[in-house]
Amino acid sequence: MNKIYPSAQAALDGVVQDGQLIAVGGFGLCGIPEALIEALRDSGKQNLTAISNNAGVDGFGLGKLLETRQIKKMISSYVGENKEFERQYLAGELALEFTPQGTLAEKLRAGGAGIPAFFTKTGVGTLVAEGKELREFDGETYVMERALVPDVSLVKAHRADKSGNLQFRLTARNFNPAVAMAGKITVVEVEEIVETGAIAPDDVHLAGIYVHRLVLNAKPEKRIEKRTITETPREHAVQTEKAGA
């Protein structure tokens, strides 16, 4: 079966629909499926619920789908870099299911493993546990979390062979394998496609059985997040003095 599609748009054709639950791989801007996100935006599909570690930034990543109002709800663990997300959420235009990062990863892993729910101590006694089943084990209280099984998963990998076996690069691996395994349909964008068997078995990070469609994006933008800090008054004075010298 040919899994390779000529473009991101073609890879999503007939797969994405209005109102779907869609998971997107990546951690911040690292390892996000840039081309597939743009293709999803261009598809015009509406009322999407997006599962992602993050909400992108203004004008990039999932920020593009927030700008076009295609996302009605986010299931995320970090949303702090997107002003448009903040504006929509505070205005009541966007729903948010705020989920601890480890819990989010486990909800996806459980979905891919066929486990419908699990118990965790994370979130007990907080807003995270409101409305959820609590149970005691060995004298400790746990909250039940349901697994996530997205209708479509959008994933970024470094290489794939023609059978869909994937190899991730360094920290871009992050949420991508769990997102890929959880999806009912998984679409993957990669920087290189090689012949089946060209990736050594020990270098295969995710088996092709989880991958339904592949698209080549040989030169992704790969934005880098940079830490910025505010100078203390003392540091500012020193810098000013140096500049005067």
C-alpha atoms as a PDB file:
ATOM      1  CA  MET A   1       0.000   0.000   0.000  1.00  0.00           C
ATOM      2  CA  ASN A   2       1.388   3.386  -1.016  1.00  0.00           C
ATOM      3  CA  LYS A   3       1.476   5.717   1.996  1.00  0.00           C
ATOM      4  CA  ILE A   4       3.252   8.613   0.271  1.00  0.00           C
ATOM      5  CA  TYR A   5       1.215  11.654  -0.805  1.00  0.00           C
ATOM      6  CA  PRO A   6       2.449  14.456  -3.086  1.00  0.00           C
ATOM      7  CA  SER A   7       1.565  17.312  -0.736  1.00  0.00           C
ATOM      8  CA  ALA A   8       0.310  18.052   2.748  1.00  0.00           C
ATOM      9  CA  GLN A   9      -3.021  19.109   1.278  1.00  0.00           C
ATOM     10  CA  ALA A  10      -3.365  15.784  -0.529  1.00  0.00           C
ATOM     11  CA  ALA A  11      -2.414  13.882   2.633  1.00  0.00           C
ATOM     12  CA  LEU A  12      -5.300  15.489   4.531  1.00  0.00           C
ATOM     13  CA  ASP A  13      -7.827  15.196   1.726  1.00  0.00           C
ATOM     14  CA  GLY A  14     -10.747  13.006   2.783  1.00  0.00           C
ATOM     15  CA  VAL A  15      -9.306  12.641   6.295  1.00  0.00           C
ATOM     16  CA  VAL A  16     -10.073  15.885   8.131  1.00  0.00           C
ATOM     17  CA  GLN A  17     -13.655  16.965   8.777  1.00  0.00           C
ATOM     18  CA  ASP A  18     -15.485  19.631  10.755  1.00  0.00           C
ATOM     19  CA  GLY A  19     -15.842  18.951  14.470  1.00  0.00           C
ATOM     20  CA  GLN A  20     -13.012  16.415  14.761  1.00  0.00           C
ATOM     21  CA  LEU A  21     -10.685  15.697  17.658  1.00  0.00           C
ATOM     22  CA  ILE A  22      -7.201  16.319  16.258  1.00  0.00           C
ATOM     23  CA  ALA A  23      -3.863  15.706  18.012  1.00  0.00           C
ATOM     24  CA  VAL A  24      -0.741  17.576  16.958  1.00  0.00           C
ATOM     25  CA  GLY A  25       2.792  16.517  17.887  1.00  0.00           C
ATOM     26  CA  GLY A  26       5.548  18.789  19.117  1.00  0.00           C
ATOM     27  CA  PHE A  27       6.829  20.485  22.249  1.00  0.00           C
ATOM     28  CA  GLY A  28       6.580  24.239  21.982  1.00  0.00           C
ATOM     29  CA  LEU A  29       7.838  24.851  18.445  1.00  0.00           C
ATOM     30  CA  CYS A  30      10.159  21.822  18.456  1.00  0.00           C
ATOM     31  CA  GLY A  31       9.014  18.961  16.260  1.00  0.00           C
ATOM     32  CA  ILE A  32       5.727  20.455  15.097  1.00  0.00           C
ATOM     33  CA  PRO A  33       4.264  19.325  11.738  1.00  0.00           C
ATOM     34  CA  GLU A  34       4.481  22.756  10.099  1.00  0.00           C
ATOM     35  CA  ALA A  35       3.254  21.797   6.629  1.00  0.00           C
ATOM     36  CA  LEU A  36       0.340  19.726   7.922  1.00  0.00           C
ATOM     37  CA  ILE A  37      -0.809  22.541  10.225  1.00  0.00           C
ATOM     38  CA  GLU A  38      -0.828  24.935   7.274  1.00  0.00           C
ATOM     39  CA  ALA A  39      -2.712  22.405   5.158  1.00  0.00           C
ATOM     40  CA  LEU A  40      -5.282  21.986   7.924  1.00  0.00           C
ATOM     41  CA  ARG A  41      -5.708  25.755   8.026  1.00  0.00           C
ATOM     42  CA  ASP A  42      -6.143  25.878   4.261  1.00  0.00           C
ATOM     43  CA  SER A  43      -8.740  23.074   4.408  1.00  0.00           C
ATOM     44  CA  GLY A  44     -11.099  25.465   6.188  1.00  0.00           C
ATOM     45  CA  LYS A  45     -12.355  22.786   8.578  1.00  0.00           C
ATOM     46  CA  GLN A  46     -14.124  24.279  11.580  1.00  0.00           C
ATOM     47  CA  ASN A  47     -15.062  23.510  15.206  1.00  0.00           C
ATOM     48  CA  LEU A  48     -11.940  21.468  15.848  1.00  0.00           C
ATOM     49  CA  THR A  49     -10.788  20.278  19.246  1.00  0.00           C
ATOM     50  CA  ALA A  50      -6.994  20.312  19.249  1.00  0.00           C
ATOM     51  CA  ILE A  51      -4.854  18.167  21.536  1.00  0.00           C
ATOM     52  CA  SER A  52      -1.338  19.544  21.828  1.00  0.00           C
ATOM     53  CA  ASN A  53       1.360  20.150  24.385  1.00  0.00           C
ATOM     54  CA  ASN A  54       1.116  23.828  23.407  1.00  0.00           C
ATOM     55  CA  ALA A  55      -1.010  26.348  21.528  1.00  0.00           C
ATOM     56  CA  GLY A  56       1.731  27.555  19.210  1.00  0.00           C
ATOM     57  CA  VAL A  57       2.655  31.229  19.016  1.00  0.00           C
ATOM     58  CA  ASP A  58       1.032  34.133  17.215  1.00  0.00           C
ATOM     59  CA  GLY A  59       1.271  33.434  13.495  1.00  0.00           C
ATOM     60  CA  PHE A  60       3.015  30.076  13.721  1.00  0.00           C
ATOM     61  CA  GLY A  61       2.156  26.491  14.640  1.00  0.00           C
ATOM     62  CA  LEU A  62      -1.344  26.118  16.044  1.00  0.00           C
ATOM     63  CA  GLY A  63      -1.427  29.901  16.286  1.00  0.00           C
ATOM     64  CA  LYS A  64      -2.360  29.848  12.601  1.00  0.00           C
ATOM     65  CA  LEU A  65      -5.503  27.835  13.339  1.00  0.00           C
ATOM     66  CA  LEU A  66      -6.407  30.091  16.255  1.00  0.00           C
ATOM     67  CA  GLU A  67      -6.140  33.151  14.033  1.00  0.00           C
ATOM     68  CA  THR A  68      -8.661  31.657  11.594  1.00  0.00           C
ATOM     69  CA  ARG A  69     -10.953  30.577  14.467  1.00  0.00           C
ATOM     70  CA  GLN A  70     -10.918  26.940  13.357  1.00  0.00           C
ATOM     71  CA  ILE A  71     -10.244  25.649  16.875  1.00  0.00           C
ATOM     72  CA  LYS A  72     -13.135  25.726  19.333  1.00  0.00           C
ATOM     73  CA  LYS A  73     -11.348  23.921  22.169  1.00  0.00           C
ATOM     74  CA  MET A  74      -7.758  23.240  23.226  1.00  0.00           C
ATOM     75  CA  ILE A  75      -6.582  20.301  25.340  1.00  0.00           C
ATOM     76  CA  SER A  76      -3.122  21.476  26.352  1.00  0.00           C
ATOM     77  CA  SER A  77      -0.558  21.702  29.115  1.00  0.00           C
ATOM     78  CA  TYR A  78       1.127  24.994  28.135  1.00  0.00           C
ATOM     79  CA  VAL A  79      -0.455  28.012  26.475  1.00  0.00           C
ATOM     80  CA  GLY A  80       1.717  30.895  27.631  1.00  0.00           C
ATOM     81  CA  GLU A  81       3.238  32.152  24.369  1.00  0.00           C
ATOM     82  CA  ASN A  82       0.144  32.936  22.323  1.00  0.00           C
ATOM     83  CA  LYS A  83      -1.529  36.314  22.823  1.00  0.00           C
ATOM     84  CA  GLU A  84      -4.384  35.458  20.455  1.00  0.00           C
ATOM     85  CA  PHE A  85      -5.080  32.317  22.490  1.00  0.00           C
ATOM     86  CA  GLU A  86      -5.172  34.452  25.640  1.00  0.00           C
ATOM     87  CA  ARG A  87      -7.506  36.977  24.065  1.00  0.00           C
ATOM     88  CA  GLN A  88      -9.959  34.329  22.797  1.00  0.00           C
ATOM     89  CA  TYR A  89      -9.933  32.417  26.071  1.00  0.00           C
ATOM     90  CA  LEU A  90     -10.500  35.473  28.271  1.00  0.00           C
ATOM     91  CA  ALA A  91     -13.281  36.629  25.934  1.00  0.00           C
ATOM     92  CA  GLY A  92     -15.050  33.276  26.268  1.00  0.00           C
ATOM     93  CA  GLU A  93     -14.520  32.456  22.591  1.00  0.00           C
ATOM     94  CA  LEU A  94     -12.293  29.424  23.152  1.00  0.00           C
ATOM     95  CA  ALA A  95     -12.690  26.473  25.517  1.00  0.00           C
ATOM     96  CA  LEU A  96      -9.692  25.052  27.351  1.00  0.00           C
ATOM     97  CA  GLU A  97      -9.141  21.700  29.055  1.00  0.00           C
ATOM     98  CA  PHE A  98      -5.941  22.458  30.929  1.00  0.00           C
ATOM     99  CA  THR A  99      -4.075  19.204  31.522  1.00  0.00           C
ATOM    100  CA  PRO A 100      -0.840  18.518  33.443  1.00  0.00           C
ATOM    101  CA  GLN A 101       1.893  17.662  30.970  1.00  0.00           C
ATOM    102  CA  GLY A 102       2.613  14.157  32.268  1.00  0.00           C
ATOM    103  CA  THR A 103      -1.096  13.402  32.390  1.00  0.00           C
ATOM    104  CA  LEU A 104      -1.514  14.601  28.803  1.00  0.00           C
ATOM    105  CA  ALA A 105       1.312  12.342  27.637  1.00  0.00           C
ATOM    106  CA  GLU A 106      -0.189   9.380  29.490  1.00  0.00           C
ATOM    107  CA  LYS A 107      -3.689  10.054  28.122  1.00  0.00           C
ATOM    108  CA  LEU A 108      -2.253   9.792  24.606  1.00  0.00           C
ATOM    109  CA  ARG A 109      -0.098   6.773  25.418  1.00  0.00           C
ATOM    110  CA  ALA A 110      -3.106   5.015  26.950  1.00  0.00           C
ATOM    111  CA  GLY A 111      -5.188   5.810  23.881  1.00  0.00           C
ATOM    112  CA  GLY A 112      -2.576   4.217  21.648  1.00  0.00           C
ATOM    113  CA  ALA A 113      -2.308   1.170  23.913  1.00  0.00           C
ATOM    114  CA  GLY A 114      -6.055   0.557  24.030  1.00  0.00           C
ATOM    115  CA  ILE A 115      -6.331   1.483  27.726  1.00  0.00           C
ATOM    116  CA  PRO A 116      -9.572   3.452  28.242  1.00  0.00           C
ATOM    117  CA  ALA A 117      -8.618   5.160  31.518  1.00  0.00           C
ATOM    118  CA  PHE A 118      -6.057   5.254  34.321  1.00  0.00           C
ATOM    119  CA  PHE A 119      -5.636   6.638  37.840  1.00  0.00           C
ATOM    120  CA  THR A 120      -3.075   9.275  38.825  1.00  0.00           C
ATOM    121  CA  LYS A 121      -2.354  11.406  41.889  1.00  0.00           C
ATOM    122  CA  THR A 122      -1.578  14.419  39.709  1.00  0.00           C
ATOM    123  CA  GLY A 123      -4.287  17.056  40.043  1.00  0.00           C
ATOM    124  CA  VAL A 124      -6.018  15.629  43.113  1.00  0.00           C
ATOM    125  CA  GLY A 125      -7.432  18.478  45.182  1.00  0.00           C
ATOM    126  CA  THR A 126      -7.246  20.967  42.297  1.00  0.00           C
ATOM    127  CA  LEU A 127      -9.485  22.182  39.469  1.00  0.00           C
ATOM    128  CA  VAL A 128      -8.028  19.390  37.330  1.00  0.00           C
ATOM    129  CA  ALA A 129      -9.949  16.784  39.368  1.00  0.00           C
ATOM    130  CA  GLU A 130     -13.323  18.540  39.391  1.00  0.00           C
ATOM    131  CA  GLY A 131     -16.107  16.315  38.072  1.00  0.00           C
ATOM    132  CA  LYS A 132     -13.829  13.278  37.775  1.00  0.00           C
ATOM    133  CA  GLU A 133     -13.964   9.985  39.654  1.00  0.00           C
ATOM    134  CA  LEU A 134     -11.730   9.756  42.718  1.00  0.00           C
ATOM    135  CA  ARG A 135     -10.603   6.455  44.213  1.00  0.00           C
ATOM    136  CA  GLU A 136      -8.400   5.457  47.109  1.00  0.00           C
ATOM    137  CA  PHE A 137      -5.494   3.035  46.723  1.00  0.00           C
ATOM    138  CA  ASP A 138      -3.289   2.133  49.687  1.00  0.00           C
ATOM    139  CA  GLY A 139      -4.501   5.133  51.615  1.00  0.00           C
ATOM    140  CA  GLU A 140      -3.848   7.634  48.808  1.00  0.00           C
ATOM    141  CA  THR A 141      -6.426   9.414  46.658  1.00  0.00           C
ATOM    142  CA  TYR A 142      -6.193   9.177  42.883  1.00  0.00           C
ATOM    143  CA  VAL A 143      -8.170  10.806  40.067  1.00  0.00           C
ATOM    144  CA  MET A 144      -9.340   8.860  37.030  1.00  0.00           C
ATOM    145  CA  GLU A 145      -8.297  10.248  33.661  1.00  0.00           C
ATOM    146  CA  ARG A 146      -9.792   9.076  30.378  1.00  0.00           C
ATOM    147  CA  ALA A 147      -7.532   8.180  27.461  1.00  0.00           C
ATOM    148  CA  LEU A 148      -7.438  10.307  24.323  1.00  0.00           C
ATOM    149  CA  VAL A 149      -8.104   8.735  20.920  1.00  0.00           C
ATOM    150  CA  PRO A 150      -7.952  11.476  18.265  1.00  0.00           C
ATOM    151  CA  ASP A 151      -9.829  11.155  14.991  1.00  0.00           C
ATOM    152  CA  VAL A 152      -6.666  12.378  13.244  1.00  0.00           C
ATOM    153  CA  SER A 153      -3.084  12.753  14.468  1.00  0.00           C
ATOM    154  CA  LEU A 154      -0.622  15.112  12.779  1.00  0.00           C
ATOM    155  CA  VAL A 155       2.994  14.155  13.421  1.00  0.00           C
ATOM    156  CA  LYS A 156       6.502  15.341  12.547  1.00  0.00           C
ATOM    157  CA  ALA A 157       9.416  12.899  12.129  1.00  0.00           C
ATOM    158  CA  HIS A 158      12.899  13.245  10.680  1.00  0.00           C
ATOM    159  CA  ARG A 159      12.933  10.225   8.356  1.00  0.00           C
ATOM    160  CA  ALA A 160      10.543   7.556   7.178  1.00  0.00           C
ATOM    161  CA  ASP A 161      10.860   4.601   4.904  1.00  0.00           C
ATOM    162  CA  LYS A 162       8.188   3.830   2.344  1.00  0.00           C
ATOM    163  CA  SER A 163       6.453   1.480   4.786  1.00  0.00           C
ATOM    164  CA  GLY A 164       6.018   4.316   7.283  1.00  0.00           C
ATOM    165  CA  ASN A 165       8.645   3.270   9.832  1.00  0.00           C
ATOM    166  CA  LEU A 166       9.746   6.484  11.560  1.00  0.00           C
ATOM    167  CA  GLN A 167      12.949   7.911  12.946  1.00  0.00           C
ATOM    168  CA  PHE A 168      12.816  11.070  15.066  1.00  0.00           C
ATOM    169  CA  ARG A 169      15.675  13.511  15.588  1.00  0.00           C
ATOM    170  CA  LEU A 170      16.817  14.327  19.115  1.00  0.00           C
ATOM    171  CA  THR A 171      14.284  16.272  21.217  1.00  0.00           C
ATOM    172  CA  ALA A 172      11.875  16.584  18.280  1.00  0.00           C
ATOM    173  CA  ARG A 173      10.792  13.101  19.308  1.00  0.00           C
ATOM    174  CA  ASN A 174       8.896  14.584  22.325  1.00  0.00           C
ATOM    175  CA  PHE A 175       5.105  14.033  22.073  1.00  0.00           C
ATOM    176  CA  ASN A 176       5.200  12.773  18.480  1.00  0.00           C
ATOM    177  CA  PRO A 177       5.323   8.973  19.061  1.00  0.00           C
ATOM    178  CA  ALA A 178       2.451   9.075  21.579  1.00  0.00           C
ATOM    179  CA  VAL A 179       0.386  11.288  19.259  1.00  0.00           C
ATOM    180  CA  ALA A 180       1.073   8.943  16.333  1.00  0.00           C
ATOM    181  CA  MET A 181       0.072   5.823  18.256  1.00  0.00           C
ATOM    182  CA  ALA A 182      -3.139   7.351  19.618  1.00  0.00           C
ATOM    183  CA  GLY A 183      -4.667   8.525  16.343  1.00  0.00           C
ATOM    184  CA  LYS A 184      -7.330   6.603  14.447  1.00  0.00           C
ATOM    185  CA  ILE A 185      -5.680   8.045  11.330  1.00  0.00           C
ATOM    186  CA  THR A 186      -2.073   9.261  11.560  1.00  0.00           C
ATOM    187  CA  VAL A 187      -0.550  11.580   8.979  1.00  0.00           C
ATOM    188  CA  VAL A 188       3.200  12.205   9.207  1.00  0.00           C
ATOM    189  CA  GLU A 189       5.407  14.851   7.643  1.00  0.00           C
ATOM    190  CA  VAL A 190       9.089  13.997   7.278  1.00  0.00           C
ATOM    191  CA  GLU A 191      12.253  15.595   5.946  1.00  0.00           C
ATOM    192  CA  GLU A 192      13.415  12.479   4.114  1.00  0.00           C
ATOM    193  CA  ILE A 193      11.792   9.338   2.702  1.00  0.00           C
ATOM    194  CA  VAL A 194      13.997   6.311   2.054  1.00  0.00           C
ATOM    195  CA  GLU A 195      13.471   2.804   0.747  1.00  0.00           C
ATOM    196  CA  THR A 196      11.963   0.231   3.070  1.00  0.00           C
ATOM    197  CA  GLY A 197      14.805  -1.422   4.967  1.00  0.00           C
ATOM    198  CA  ALA A 198      17.160   1.565   4.688  1.00  0.00           C
ATOM    199  CA  ILE A 199      16.585   2.480   8.348  1.00  0.00           C
ATOM    200  CA  ALA A 200      18.327  -0.001  10.627  1.00  0.00           C
ATOM    201  CA  PRO A 201      15.847  -1.825  12.893  1.00  0.00           C
ATOM    202  CA  ASP A 202      17.453  -0.357  16.042  1.00  0.00           C
ATOM    203  CA  ASP A 203      16.990   3.148  14.600  1.00  0.00           C
ATOM    204  CA  VAL A 204      13.244   2.749  14.040  1.00  0.00           C
ATOM    205  CA  HIS A 205      11.555   4.742  16.793  1.00  0.00           C
ATOM    206  CA  LEU A 206       7.986   4.002  15.705  1.00  0.00           C
ATOM    207  CA  ALA A 207       6.731   1.134  13.576  1.00  0.00           C
ATOM    208  CA  GLY A 208       4.975   1.878  10.310  1.00  0.00           C
ATOM    209  CA  ILE A 209       1.825   0.058  11.454  1.00  0.00           C
ATOM    210  CA  TYR A 210       0.806   3.294  13.192  1.00  0.00           C
ATOM    211  CA  VAL A 211       1.338   5.459  10.098  1.00  0.00           C
ATOM    212  CA  HIS A 212      -1.358   5.792   7.445  1.00  0.00           C
ATOM    213  CA  ARG A 213      -0.094   8.666   5.286  1.00  0.00           C
ATOM    214  CA  LEU A 214       3.295  10.280   4.633  1.00  0.00           C
ATOM    215  CA  VAL A 215       4.243  13.609   3.100  1.00  0.00           C
ATOM    216  CA  LEU A 216       7.703  15.008   2.377  1.00  0.00           C
ATOM    217  CA  ASN A 217       8.633  18.440   3.738  1.00  0.00           C
ATOM    218  CA  ALA A 218      12.361  18.553   3.051  1.00  0.00           C
ATOM    219  CA  LYS A 219      12.985  22.099   4.281  1.00  0.00           C
ATOM    220  CA  PRO A 220      10.766  23.014   7.230  1.00  0.00           C
ATOM    221  CA  GLU A 221      11.173  26.442   8.792  1.00  0.00           C
ATOM    222  CA  LYS A 222      12.090  25.044  12.248  1.00  0.00           C
ATOM    223  CA  ARG A 223      11.711  28.160  14.351  1.00  0.00           C
ATOM    224  CA  ILE A 224      13.738  28.228  17.552  1.00  0.00           C
ATOM    225  CA  GLU A 225      12.404  29.501  20.863  1.00  0.00           C
ATOM    226  CA  LYS A 226      14.892  31.666  22.718  1.00  0.00           C
ATOM    227  CA  ARG A 227      14.962  32.513  26.387  1.00  0.00           C
ATOM    228  CA  THR A 228      14.699  36.209  27.147  1.00  0.00           C
ATOM    229  CA  ILE A 229      15.286  37.792  30.529  1.00  0.00           C
ATOM    230  CA  THR A 230      14.692  41.201  32.050  1.00  0.00           C
ATOM    231  CA  GLU A 231      17.800  43.028  33.162  1.00  0.00           C
ATOM    232  CA  THR A 232      18.032  44.027  36.806  1.00  0.00           C
ATOM    233  CA  PRO A 233      18.668  47.741  37.489  1.00  0.00           C
ATOM    234  CA  ARG A 234      22.290  46.867  38.348  1.00  0.00           C
ATOM    235  CA  GLU A 235      22.814  44.962  35.072  1.00  0.00           C
ATOM    236  CA  HIS A 236      21.260  47.806  33.104  1.00  0.00           C
ATOM    237  CA  ALA A 237      23.559  50.340  34.774  1.00  0.00           C
ATOM    238  CA  VAL A 238      26.619  48.231  33.958  1.00  0.00           C
ATOM    239  CA  GLN A 239      25.569  47.847  30.315  1.00  0.00           C
ATOM    240  CA  THR A 240      24.944  51.599  30.048  1.00  0.00           C
ATOM    241  CA  GLU A 241      28.358  52.343  31.549  1.00  0.00           C
ATOM    242  CA  LYS A 242      30.053  49.996  29.091  1.00  0.00           C
ATOM    243  CA  ALA A 243      28.234  51.570  26.180  1.00  0.00           C
ATOM    244  CA  GLY A 244      29.383  55.027  27.317  1.00  0.00           C
ATOM    245  CA  ALA A 245      32.962  53.854  27.517  1.00  0.00           C
END
